[in-house]
Amino acid sequence: VASITGKRGTGNSSTVRRSRQDRQKKLDYRLFFMLFIQ
């Protein structure tokens, strides 16, 4: 929902921050998947 409503222009700092958050979330999801299989 946030990606649909927030497609308007944003600053570079918020883009970098969102990119870091996305990488961290990707790591968290992957760690959970590894844990669940184990």
PDB file of all heavy atoms in Angstrom:
ATOM      1  N   VAL A   1       0.837  -1.204   0.000  1.00  0.00           N
ATOM      2  CA  VAL A   1       0.000   0.000   0.000  1.00  0.00           C
ATOM      3  C   VAL A   1       0.867   1.247   0.000  1.00  0.00           C
ATOM      4  O   VAL A   1       0.616   2.211  -0.730  1.00  0.00           O
ATOM      5  CB  VAL A   1      -0.945  -0.010   1.220  1.00  0.00           C
ATOM      6  CG1 VAL A   1      -1.674   1.307   1.329  1.00  0.00           C
ATOM      7  CG2 VAL A   1      -1.926  -1.169   1.115  1.00  0.00           C
ATOM      8  N   ALA A   2       1.938   1.230   0.801  1.00  0.00           N
ATOM      9  CA  ALA A   2       2.818   2.396   0.895  1.00  0.00           C
ATOM     10  C   ALA A   2       3.526   2.657  -0.422  1.00  0.00           C
ATOM     11  O   ALA A   2       3.753   3.805  -0.813  1.00  0.00           O
ATOM     12  CB  ALA A   2       3.846   2.181   2.010  1.00  0.00           C
ATOM     13  N   SER A   3       3.900   1.580  -1.143  1.00  0.00           N
ATOM     14  CA  SER A   3       4.589   1.753  -2.418  1.00  0.00           C
ATOM     15  C   SER A   3       3.666   2.362  -3.470  1.00  0.00           C
ATOM     16  O   SER A   3       4.113   3.060  -4.372  1.00  0.00           O
ATOM     17  CB  SER A   3       5.124   0.403  -2.912  1.00  0.00           C
ATOM     18  OG  SER A   3       4.052  -0.491  -3.165  1.00  0.00           O
ATOM     19  N   ILE A   4       2.349   2.095  -3.374  1.00  0.00           N
ATOM     20  CA  ILE A   4       1.389   2.654  -4.328  1.00  0.00           C
ATOM     21  C   ILE A   4       1.133   4.127  -4.041  1.00  0.00           C
ATOM     22  O   ILE A   4       1.086   4.965  -4.945  1.00  0.00           O
ATOM     23  CB  ILE A   4       0.074   1.867  -4.276  1.00  0.00           C
ATOM     24  CG1 ILE A   4       0.304   0.434  -4.777  1.00  0.00           C
ATOM     25  CG2 ILE A   4      -1.005   2.540  -5.116  1.00  0.00           C
ATOM     26  CD1 ILE A   4      -0.914  -0.457  -4.660  1.00  0.00           C
ATOM     27  N   THR A   5       0.999   4.458  -2.755  1.00  0.00           N
ATOM     28  CA  THR A   5       0.673   5.845  -2.372  1.00  0.00           C
ATOM     29  C   THR A   5       1.885   6.746  -2.331  1.00  0.00           C
ATOM     30  O   THR A   5       1.757   7.964  -2.266  1.00  0.00           O
ATOM     31  CB  THR A   5       0.009   5.854  -0.984  1.00  0.00           C
ATOM     32  OG1 THR A   5       0.896   5.256  -0.036  1.00  0.00           O
ATOM     33  CG2 THR A   5      -1.293   5.071  -1.007  1.00  0.00           C
ATOM     34  N   GLY A   6       3.082   6.157  -2.334  1.00  0.00           N
ATOM     35  CA  GLY A   6       4.283   6.983  -2.168  1.00  0.00           C
ATOM     36  C   GLY A   6       5.168   7.021  -3.379  1.00  0.00           C
ATOM     37  O   GLY A   6       6.387   7.120  -3.255  1.00  0.00           O
ATOM     38  N   LYS A   7       4.583   6.916  -4.587  1.00  0.00           N
ATOM     39  CA  LYS A   7       5.376   6.916  -5.809  1.00  0.00           C
ATOM     40  C   LYS A   7       5.758   8.316  -6.277  1.00  0.00           C
ATOM     41  O   LYS A   7       6.484   8.472  -7.247  1.00  0.00           O
ATOM     42  CB  LYS A   7       4.614   6.186  -6.926  1.00  0.00           C
ATOM     43  CG  LYS A   7       4.632   4.673  -6.764  1.00  0.00           C
ATOM     44  CD  LYS A   7       3.987   3.983  -7.955  1.00  0.00           C
ATOM     45  CE  LYS A   7       4.099   2.471  -7.819  1.00  0.00           C
ATOM     46  NZ  LYS A   7       3.454   1.762  -8.963  1.00  0.00           N
ATOM     47  N   ARG A   8       5.233   9.329  -5.626  1.00  0.00           N
ATOM     48  CA  ARG A   8       5.579  10.692  -5.996  1.00  0.00           C
ATOM     49  C   ARG A   8       7.017  10.989  -5.598  1.00  0.00           C
ATOM     50  O   ARG A   8       7.638  10.252  -4.838  1.00  0.00           O
ATOM     51  CB  ARG A   8       4.623  11.668  -5.332  1.00  0.00           C
ATOM     52  CG  ARG A   8       3.179  11.474  -5.812  1.00  0.00           C
ATOM     53  CD  ARG A   8       2.241  12.426  -5.105  1.00  0.00           C
ATOM     54  NE  ARG A   8       0.879  12.255  -5.579  1.00  0.00           N
ATOM     55  CZ  ARG A   8      -0.163  12.941  -5.112  1.00  0.00           C
ATOM     56  NH1 ARG A   8       0.024  13.839  -4.149  1.00  0.00           N
ATOM     57  NH2 ARG A   8      -1.376  12.720  -5.590  1.00  0.00           N
ATOM     58  N   GLY A   9       7.547  12.040  -6.090  1.00  0.00           N
ATOM     59  CA  GLY A   9       8.950  12.360  -5.888  1.00  0.00           C
ATOM     60  C   GLY A   9       9.359  12.412  -4.434  1.00  0.00           C
ATOM     61  O   GLY A   9       8.669  12.982  -3.598  1.00  0.00           O
ATOM     62  N   THR A  10      10.484  11.834  -4.169  1.00  0.00           N
ATOM     63  CA  THR A  10      11.046  11.851  -2.823  1.00  0.00           C
ATOM     64  C   THR A  10      12.507  12.262  -2.917  1.00  0.00           C
ATOM     65  O   THR A  10      13.151  12.140  -3.956  1.00  0.00           O
ATOM     66  CB  THR A  10      10.953  10.452  -2.170  1.00  0.00           C
ATOM     67  OG1 THR A  10      11.599   9.496  -3.019  1.00  0.00           O
ATOM     68  CG2 THR A  10       9.509  10.035  -1.964  1.00  0.00           C
ATOM     69  N   GLY A  11      13.045  12.707  -1.797  1.00  0.00           N
ATOM     70  CA  GLY A  11      14.430  13.131  -1.767  1.00  0.00           C
ATOM     71  C   GLY A  11      15.393  11.967  -1.822  1.00  0.00           C
ATOM     72  O   GLY A  11      15.024  10.821  -1.598  1.00  0.00           O
ATOM     73  N   ASN A  12      16.666  12.294  -2.096  1.00  0.00           N
ATOM     74  CA  ASN A  12      17.693  11.251  -2.179  1.00  0.00           C
ATOM     75  C   ASN A  12      17.919  10.582  -0.838  1.00  0.00           C
ATOM     76  O   ASN A  12      18.166   9.377  -0.763  1.00  0.00           O
ATOM     77  CB  ASN A  12      19.005  11.859  -2.691  1.00  0.00           C
ATOM     78  CG  ASN A  12      18.904  12.272  -4.147  1.00  0.00           C
ATOM     79  OD1 ASN A  12      18.137  11.677  -4.903  1.00  0.00           O
ATOM     80  ND2 ASN A  12      19.680  13.287  -4.537  1.00  0.00           N
ATOM     81  N   SER A  13      17.856  11.362   0.255  1.00  0.00           N
ATOM     82  CA  SER A  13      18.105  10.787   1.583  1.00  0.00           C
ATOM     83  C   SER A  13      17.063   9.748   1.937  1.00  0.00           C
ATOM     84  O   SER A  13      17.385   8.689   2.486  1.00  0.00           O
ATOM     85  CB  SER A  13      18.128  11.894   2.639  1.00  0.00           C
ATOM     86  OG  SER A  13      16.873  12.571   2.680  1.00  0.00           O
ATOM     87  N   SER A  14      15.794  10.022   1.637  1.00  0.00           N
ATOM     88  CA  SER A  14      14.740   9.047   1.943  1.00  0.00           C
ATOM     89  C   SER A  14      14.874   7.816   1.070  1.00  0.00           C
ATOM     90  O   SER A  14      14.575   6.697   1.494  1.00  0.00           O
ATOM     91  CB  SER A  14      13.362   9.689   1.751  1.00  0.00           C
ATOM     92  OG  SER A  14      13.162  10.073   0.401  1.00  0.00           O
ATOM     93  N   THR A  15      15.345   8.007  -0.175  1.00  0.00           N
ATOM     94  CA  THR A  15      15.540   6.857  -1.069  1.00  0.00           C
ATOM     95  C   THR A  15      16.638   5.951  -0.552  1.00  0.00           C
ATOM     96  O   THR A  15      16.507   4.720  -0.543  1.00  0.00           O
ATOM     97  CB  THR A  15      15.894   7.349  -2.489  1.00  0.00           C
ATOM     98  OG1 THR A  15      14.853   8.195  -2.967  1.00  0.00           O
ATOM     99  CG2 THR A  15      16.060   6.163  -3.437  1.00  0.00           C
ATOM    100  N   VAL A  16      17.737   6.550  -0.101  1.00  0.00           N
ATOM    101  CA  VAL A  16      18.839   5.754   0.452  1.00  0.00           C
ATOM    102  C   VAL A  16      18.400   5.037   1.714  1.00  0.00           C
ATOM    103  O   VAL A  16      18.710   3.862   1.926  1.00  0.00           O
ATOM    104  CB  VAL A  16      20.060   6.666   0.745  1.00  0.00           C
ATOM    105  CG1 VAL A  16      21.129   5.889   1.496  1.00  0.00           C
ATOM    106  CG2 VAL A  16      20.610   7.227  -0.559  1.00  0.00           C
ATOM    107  N   ARG A  17      17.657   5.769   2.574  1.00  0.00           N
ATOM    108  CA  ARG A  17      17.185   5.154   3.815  1.00  0.00           C
ATOM    109  C   ARG A  17      16.245   3.986   3.536  1.00  0.00           C
ATOM    110  O   ARG A  17      16.320   2.951   4.175  1.00  0.00           O
ATOM    111  CB  ARG A  17      16.478   6.216   4.670  1.00  0.00           C
ATOM    112  CG  ARG A  17      16.054   5.670   6.041  1.00  0.00           C
ATOM    113  CD  ARG A  17      15.600   6.786   6.961  1.00  0.00           C
ATOM    114  NE  ARG A  17      14.467   7.515   6.414  1.00  0.00           N
ATOM    115  CZ  ARG A  17      14.531   8.747   5.922  1.00  0.00           C
ATOM    116  NH1 ARG A  17      15.690   9.389   5.882  1.00  0.00           N
ATOM    117  NH2 ARG A  17      13.451   9.361   5.443  1.00  0.00           N
ATOM    118  N   ARG A  18      15.355   4.172   2.560  1.00  0.00           N
ATOM    119  CA  ARG A  18      14.427   3.097   2.210  1.00  0.00           C
ATOM    120  C   ARG A  18      15.168   1.904   1.610  1.00  0.00           C
ATOM    121  O   ARG A  18      14.816   0.757   1.857  1.00  0.00           O
ATOM    122  CB  ARG A  18      13.376   3.623   1.238  1.00  0.00           C
ATOM    123  CG  ARG A  18      12.275   2.599   0.960  1.00  0.00           C
ATOM    124  CD  ARG A  18      11.054   3.238   0.283  1.00  0.00           C
ATOM    125  NE  ARG A  18      11.428   3.842  -0.989  1.00  0.00           N
ATOM    126  CZ  ARG A  18      11.441   5.138  -1.229  1.00  0.00           C
ATOM    127  NH1 ARG A  18      11.130   6.003  -0.272  1.00  0.00           N
ATOM    128  NH2 ARG A  18      11.768   5.624  -2.425  1.00  0.00           N
ATOM    129  N   SER A  19      16.226   2.184   0.847  1.00  0.00           N
ATOM    130  CA  SER A  19      17.016   1.098   0.271  1.00  0.00           C
ATOM    131  C   SER A  19      17.699   0.274   1.356  1.00  0.00           C
ATOM    132  O   SER A  19      17.739  -0.951   1.296  1.00  0.00           O
ATOM    133  CB  SER A  19      18.064   1.674  -0.690  1.00  0.00           C
ATOM    134  OG  SER A  19      18.881   0.657  -1.211  1.00  0.00           O
ATOM    135  N   ARG A  20      18.237   0.950   2.390  1.00  0.00           N
ATOM    136  CA  ARG A  20      18.856   0.233   3.513  1.00  0.00           C
ATOM    137  C   ARG A  20      17.825  -0.591   4.272  1.00  0.00           C
ATOM    138  O   ARG A  20      18.088  -1.729   4.676  1.00  0.00           O
ATOM    139  CB  ARG A  20      19.520   1.232   4.444  1.00  0.00           C
ATOM    140  CG  ARG A  20      20.765   1.911   3.855  1.00  0.00           C
ATOM    141  CD  ARG A  20      21.305   2.946   4.810  1.00  0.00           C
ATOM    142  NE  ARG A  20      22.494   3.593   4.259  1.00  0.00           N
ATOM    143  CZ  ARG A  20      23.115   4.619   4.846  1.00  0.00           C
ATOM    144  NH1 ARG A  20      22.632   5.104   6.012  1.00  0.00           N
ATOM    145  NH2 ARG A  20      24.181   5.153   4.288  1.00  0.00           N
ATOM    146  N   GLN A  21      16.660  -0.017   4.479  1.00  0.00           N
ATOM    147  CA  GLN A  21      15.599  -0.742   5.180  1.00  0.00           C
ATOM    148  C   GLN A  21      15.159  -1.971   4.397  1.00  0.00           C
ATOM    149  O   GLN A  21      14.904  -3.027   4.983  1.00  0.00           O
ATOM    150  CB  GLN A  21      14.408   0.184   5.425  1.00  0.00           C
ATOM    151  CG  GLN A  21      14.671   1.292   6.432  1.00  0.00           C
ATOM    152  CD  GLN A  21      13.520   2.264   6.531  1.00  0.00           C
ATOM    153  OE1 GLN A  21      12.595   2.252   5.710  1.00  0.00           O
ATOM    154  NE2 GLN A  21      13.574   3.139   7.540  1.00  0.00           N
ATOM    155  N   ASP A  22      15.105  -1.822   3.065  1.00  0.00           N
ATOM    156  CA  ASP A  22      14.719  -2.967   2.233  1.00  0.00           C
ATOM    157  C   ASP A  22      15.750  -4.085   2.321  1.00  0.00           C
ATOM    158  O   ASP A  22      15.381  -5.266   2.389  1.00  0.00           O
ATOM    159  CB  ASP A  22      14.557  -2.525   0.769  1.00  0.00           C
ATOM    160  CG  ASP A  22      13.332  -1.643   0.564  1.00  0.00           C
ATOM    161  OD1 ASP A  22      12.445  -1.664   1.444  1.00  0.00           O
ATOM    162  OD2 ASP A  22      13.269  -0.931  -0.457  1.00  0.00           O
ATOM    163  N   ARG A  23      17.023  -3.725   2.326  1.00  0.00           N
ATOM    164  CA  ARG A  23      18.067  -4.751   2.447  1.00  0.00           C
ATOM    165  C   ARG A  23      17.996  -5.449   3.792  1.00  0.00           C
ATOM    166  O   ARG A  23      18.173  -6.666   3.889  1.00  0.00           O
ATOM    167  CB  ARG A  23      19.453  -4.107   2.247  1.00  0.00           C
ATOM    168  CG  ARG A  23      19.762  -3.751   0.803  1.00  0.00           C
ATOM    169  CD  ARG A  23      21.259  -3.533   0.616  1.00  0.00           C
ATOM    170  NE  ARG A  23      21.748  -2.433   1.428  1.00  0.00           N
ATOM    171  CZ  ARG A  23      21.816  -1.167   1.020  1.00  0.00           C
ATOM    172  NH1 ARG A  23      21.399  -0.850  -0.204  1.00  0.00           N
ATOM    173  NH2 ARG A  23      22.296  -0.234   1.817  1.00  0.00           N
ATOM    174  N   GLN A  24      17.739  -4.668   4.864  1.00  0.00           N
ATOM    175  CA  GLN A  24      17.640  -5.261   6.192  1.00  0.00           C
ATOM    176  C   GLN A  24      16.437  -6.191   6.282  1.00  0.00           C
ATOM    177  O   GLN A  24      16.512  -7.277   6.861  1.00  0.00           O
ATOM    178  CB  GLN A  24      17.545  -4.165   7.257  1.00  0.00           C
ATOM    179  CG  GLN A  24      17.532  -4.688   8.690  1.00  0.00           C
ATOM    180  CD  GLN A  24      18.766  -5.471   9.028  1.00  0.00           C
ATOM    181  OE1 GLN A  24      19.877  -5.066   8.703  1.00  0.00           O
ATOM    182  NE2 GLN A  24      18.593  -6.617   9.682  1.00  0.00           N
ATOM    183  N   LYS A  25      15.307  -5.768   5.713  1.00  0.00           N
ATOM    184  CA  LYS A  25      14.115  -6.611   5.729  1.00  0.00           C
ATOM    185  C   LYS A  25      14.330  -7.885   4.918  1.00  0.00           C
ATOM    186  O   LYS A  25      13.869  -8.965   5.297  1.00  0.00           O
ATOM    187  CB  LYS A  25      12.916  -5.835   5.182  1.00  0.00           C
ATOM    188  CG  LYS A  25      12.395  -4.761   6.131  1.00  0.00           C
ATOM    189  CD  LYS A  25      11.252  -3.976   5.505  1.00  0.00           C
ATOM    190  CE  LYS A  25      10.759  -2.903   6.468  1.00  0.00           C
ATOM    191  NZ  LYS A  25       9.684  -2.074   5.873  1.00  0.00           N
ATOM    192  N   LYS A  26      15.049  -7.759   3.805  1.00  0.00           N
ATOM    193  CA  LYS A  26      15.349  -8.935   2.999  1.00  0.00           C
ATOM    194  C   LYS A  26      16.198  -9.921   3.784  1.00  0.00           C
ATOM    195  O   LYS A  26      15.975 -11.144   3.728  1.00  0.00           O
ATOM    196  CB  LYS A  26      16.089  -8.508   1.726  1.00  0.00           C
ATOM    197  CG  LYS A  26      16.312  -9.644   0.742  1.00  0.00           C
ATOM    198  CD  LYS A  26      16.968  -9.129  -0.531  1.00  0.00           C
ATOM    199  CE  LYS A  26      17.177 -10.277  -1.515  1.00  0.00           C
ATOM    200  NZ  LYS A  26      17.823  -9.803  -2.773  1.00  0.00           N
ATOM    201  N   LEU A  27      17.175  -9.408   4.535  1.00  0.00           N
ATOM    202  CA  LEU A  27      17.995 -10.267   5.387  1.00  0.00           C
ATOM    203  C   LEU A  27      17.145 -10.937   6.455  1.00  0.00           C
ATOM    204  O   LEU A  27      17.270 -12.142   6.709  1.00  0.00           O
ATOM    205  CB  LEU A  27      19.110  -9.444   6.039  1.00  0.00           C
ATOM    206  CG  LEU A  27      19.966 -10.164   7.101  1.00  0.00           C
ATOM    207  CD1 LEU A  27      20.679 -11.365   6.499  1.00  0.00           C
ATOM    208  CD2 LEU A  27      20.957  -9.193   7.734  1.00  0.00           C
ATOM    209  N   ASP A  28      16.246 -10.159   7.079  1.00  0.00           N
ATOM    210  CA  ASP A  28      15.394 -10.714   8.134  1.00  0.00           C
ATOM    211  C   ASP A  28      14.476 -11.804   7.595  1.00  0.00           C
ATOM    212  O   ASP A  28      14.311 -12.858   8.220  1.00  0.00           O
ATOM    213  CB  ASP A  28      14.550  -9.599   8.765  1.00  0.00           C
ATOM    214  CG  ASP A  28      15.401  -8.617   9.547  1.00  0.00           C
ATOM    215  OD1 ASP A  28      16.478  -9.019  10.007  1.00  0.00           O
ATOM    216  OD2 ASP A  28      14.984  -7.451   9.673  1.00  0.00           O
ATOM    217  N   TYR A  29      13.862 -11.588   6.434  1.00  0.00           N
ATOM    218  CA  TYR A  29      12.974 -12.591   5.844  1.00  0.00           C
ATOM    219  C   TYR A  29      13.746 -13.855   5.480  1.00  0.00           C
ATOM    220  O   TYR A  29      13.272 -14.972   5.679  1.00  0.00           O
ATOM    221  CB  TYR A  29      12.282 -12.030   4.593  1.00  0.00           C
ATOM    222  CG  TYR A  29      11.303 -10.918   4.874  1.00  0.00           C
ATOM    223  CD1 TYR A  29      11.020  -9.950   3.903  1.00  0.00           C
ATOM    224  CD2 TYR A  29      10.658 -10.820   6.100  1.00  0.00           C
ATOM    225  CE1 TYR A  29      10.119  -8.922   4.151  1.00  0.00           C
ATOM    226  CE2 TYR A  29       9.760  -9.804   6.358  1.00  0.00           C
ATOM    227  CZ  TYR A  29       9.496  -8.852   5.383  1.00  0.00           C
ATOM    228  OH  TYR A  29       8.610  -7.844   5.645  1.00  0.00           O
ATOM    229  N   ARG A  30      14.952 -13.663   4.930  1.00  0.00           N
ATOM    230  CA  ARG A  30      15.745 -14.816   4.529  1.00  0.00           C
ATOM    231  C   ARG A  30      16.190 -15.629   5.740  1.00  0.00           C
ATOM    232  O   ARG A  30      16.177 -16.857   5.720  1.00  0.00           O
ATOM    233  CB  ARG A  30      16.951 -14.341   3.726  1.00  0.00           C
ATOM    234  CG  ARG A  30      17.815 -15.458   3.164  1.00  0.00           C
ATOM    235  CD  ARG A  30      17.032 -16.425   2.310  1.00  0.00           C
ATOM    236  NE  ARG A  30      16.436 -15.792   1.151  1.00  0.00           N
ATOM    237  CZ  ARG A  30      15.747 -16.439   0.237  1.00  0.00           C
ATOM    238  NH1 ARG A  30      15.532 -17.744   0.371  1.00  0.00           N
ATOM    239  NH2 ARG A  30      15.216 -15.816  -0.795  1.00  0.00           N
ATOM    240  N   LEU A  31      16.573 -14.937   6.814  1.00  0.00           N
ATOM    241  CA  LEU A  31      16.952 -15.643   8.039  1.00  0.00           C
ATOM    242  C   LEU A  31      15.780 -16.427   8.607  1.00  0.00           C
ATOM    243  O   LEU A  31      15.939 -17.544   9.103  1.00  0.00           O
ATOM    244  CB  LEU A  31      17.481 -14.643   9.082  1.00  0.00           C
ATOM    245  CG  LEU A  31      18.863 -14.054   8.809  1.00  0.00           C
ATOM    246  CD1 LEU A  31      19.159 -12.936   9.794  1.00  0.00           C
ATOM    247  CD2 LEU A  31      19.935 -15.123   8.882  1.00  0.00           C
ATOM    248  N   PHE A  32      14.578 -15.849   8.533  1.00  0.00           N
ATOM    249  CA  PHE A  32      13.415 -16.568   9.024  1.00  0.00           C
ATOM    250  C   PHE A  32      13.137 -17.804   8.175  1.00  0.00           C
ATOM    251  O   PHE A  32      12.796 -18.863   8.696  1.00  0.00           O
ATOM    252  CB  PHE A  32      12.176 -15.667   9.025  1.00  0.00           C
ATOM    253  CG  PHE A  32      10.907 -16.423   9.331  1.00  0.00           C
ATOM    254  CD1 PHE A  32      10.639 -16.877  10.607  1.00  0.00           C
ATOM    255  CD2 PHE A  32       9.999 -16.706   8.320  1.00  0.00           C
ATOM    256  CE1 PHE A  32       9.483 -17.592  10.882  1.00  0.00           C
ATOM    257  CE2 PHE A  32       8.842 -17.415   8.585  1.00  0.00           C
ATOM    258  CZ  PHE A  32       8.587 -17.862   9.862  1.00  0.00           C
ATOM    259  N   PHE A  33      13.271 -17.688   6.862  1.00  0.00           N
ATOM    260  CA  PHE A  33      13.041 -18.835   5.981  1.00  0.00           C
ATOM    261  C   PHE A  33      14.040 -19.949   6.276  1.00  0.00           C
ATOM    262  O   PHE A  33      13.680 -21.132   6.338  1.00  0.00           O
ATOM    263  CB  PHE A  33      13.156 -18.397   4.520  1.00  0.00           C
ATOM    264  CG  PHE A  33      12.890 -19.502   3.539  1.00  0.00           C
ATOM    265  CD1 PHE A  33      11.633 -20.071   3.436  1.00  0.00           C
ATOM    266  CD2 PHE A  33      13.901 -19.969   2.724  1.00  0.00           C
ATOM    267  CE1 PHE A  33      11.382 -21.097   2.535  1.00  0.00           C
ATOM    268  CE2 PHE A  33      13.672 -20.988   1.813  1.00  0.00           C
ATOM    269  CZ  PHE A  33      12.405 -21.555   1.722  1.00  0.00           C
ATOM    270  N   MET A  34      15.307 -19.590   6.472  1.00  0.00           N
ATOM    271  CA  MET A  34      16.327 -20.572   6.841  1.00  0.00           C
ATOM    272  C   MET A  34      15.957 -21.264   8.146  1.00  0.00           C
ATOM    273  O   MET A  34      16.079 -22.490   8.286  1.00  0.00           O
ATOM    274  CB  MET A  34      17.682 -19.864   6.981  1.00  0.00           C
ATOM    275  CG  MET A  34      18.255 -19.340   5.678  1.00  0.00           C
ATOM    276  SD  MET A  34      19.501 -18.034   5.927  1.00  0.00           S
ATOM    277  CE  MET A  34      20.700 -18.895   6.945  1.00  0.00           C
ATOM    278  N   LEU A  35      15.494 -20.480   9.101  1.00  0.00           N
ATOM    279  CA  LEU A  35      15.114 -21.016  10.407  1.00  0.00           C
ATOM    280  C   LEU A  35      13.912 -21.948  10.293  1.00  0.00           C
ATOM    281  O   LEU A  35      13.877 -23.023  10.902  1.00  0.00           O
ATOM    282  CB  LEU A  35      14.803 -19.853  11.352  1.00  0.00           C
ATOM    283  CG  LEU A  35      14.348 -20.201  12.773  1.00  0.00           C
ATOM    284  CD1 LEU A  35      15.442 -20.935  13.515  1.00  0.00           C
ATOM    285  CD2 LEU A  35      13.958 -18.939  13.526  1.00  0.00           C
ATOM    286  N   PHE A  36      12.918 -21.561   9.501  1.00  0.00           N
ATOM    287  CA  PHE A  36      11.694 -22.351   9.382  1.00  0.00           C
ATOM    288  C   PHE A  36      11.974 -23.719   8.757  1.00  0.00           C
ATOM    289  O   PHE A  36      11.457 -24.743   9.211  1.00  0.00           O
ATOM    290  CB  PHE A  36      10.669 -21.582   8.545  1.00  0.00           C
ATOM    291  CG  PHE A  36       9.288 -22.171   8.585  1.00  0.00           C
ATOM    292  CD1 PHE A  36       8.528 -22.102   9.744  1.00  0.00           C
ATOM    293  CD2 PHE A  36       8.751 -22.803   7.476  1.00  0.00           C
ATOM    294  CE1 PHE A  36       7.257 -22.650   9.792  1.00  0.00           C
ATOM    295  CE2 PHE A  36       7.482 -23.356   7.518  1.00  0.00           C
ATOM    296  CZ  PHE A  36       6.731 -23.276   8.677  1.00  0.00           C
ATOM    297  N   ILE A  37      12.817 -23.749   7.723  1.00  0.00           N
ATOM    298  CA  ILE A  37      13.186 -25.025   7.101  1.00  0.00           C
ATOM    299  C   ILE A  37      13.915 -25.911   8.104  1.00  0.00           C
ATOM    300  O   ILE A  37      13.669 -27.121   8.192  1.00  0.00           O
ATOM    301  CB  ILE A  37      14.069 -24.783   5.864  1.00  0.00           C
ATOM    302  CG1 ILE A  37      13.289 -24.014   4.786  1.00  0.00           C
ATOM    303  CG2 ILE A  37      14.589 -26.102   5.300  1.00  0.00           C
ATOM    304  CD1 ILE A  37      12.099 -24.754   4.249  1.00  0.00           C
ATOM    305  N   GLN A  38      14.806 -25.335   8.895  1.00  0.00           N
ATOM    306  CA  GLN A  38      15.548 -26.108   9.878  1.00  0.00           C
ATOM    307  C   GLN A  38      14.625 -26.675  10.949  1.00  0.00           C
ATOM    308  O   GLN A  38      14.814 -27.813  11.404  1.00  0.00           O
ATOM    309  CB  GLN A  38      16.634 -25.243  10.516  1.00  0.00           C
ATOM    310  CG  GLN A  38      17.582 -26.029  11.424  1.00  0.00           C
ATOM    311  CD  GLN A  38      18.733 -25.184  11.914  1.00  0.00           C
ATOM    312  OE1 GLN A  38      18.856 -24.003  11.558  1.00  0.00           O
ATOM    313  NE2 GLN A  38      19.593 -25.760  12.723  1.00  0.00           N
TER     314      GLN A  38
END
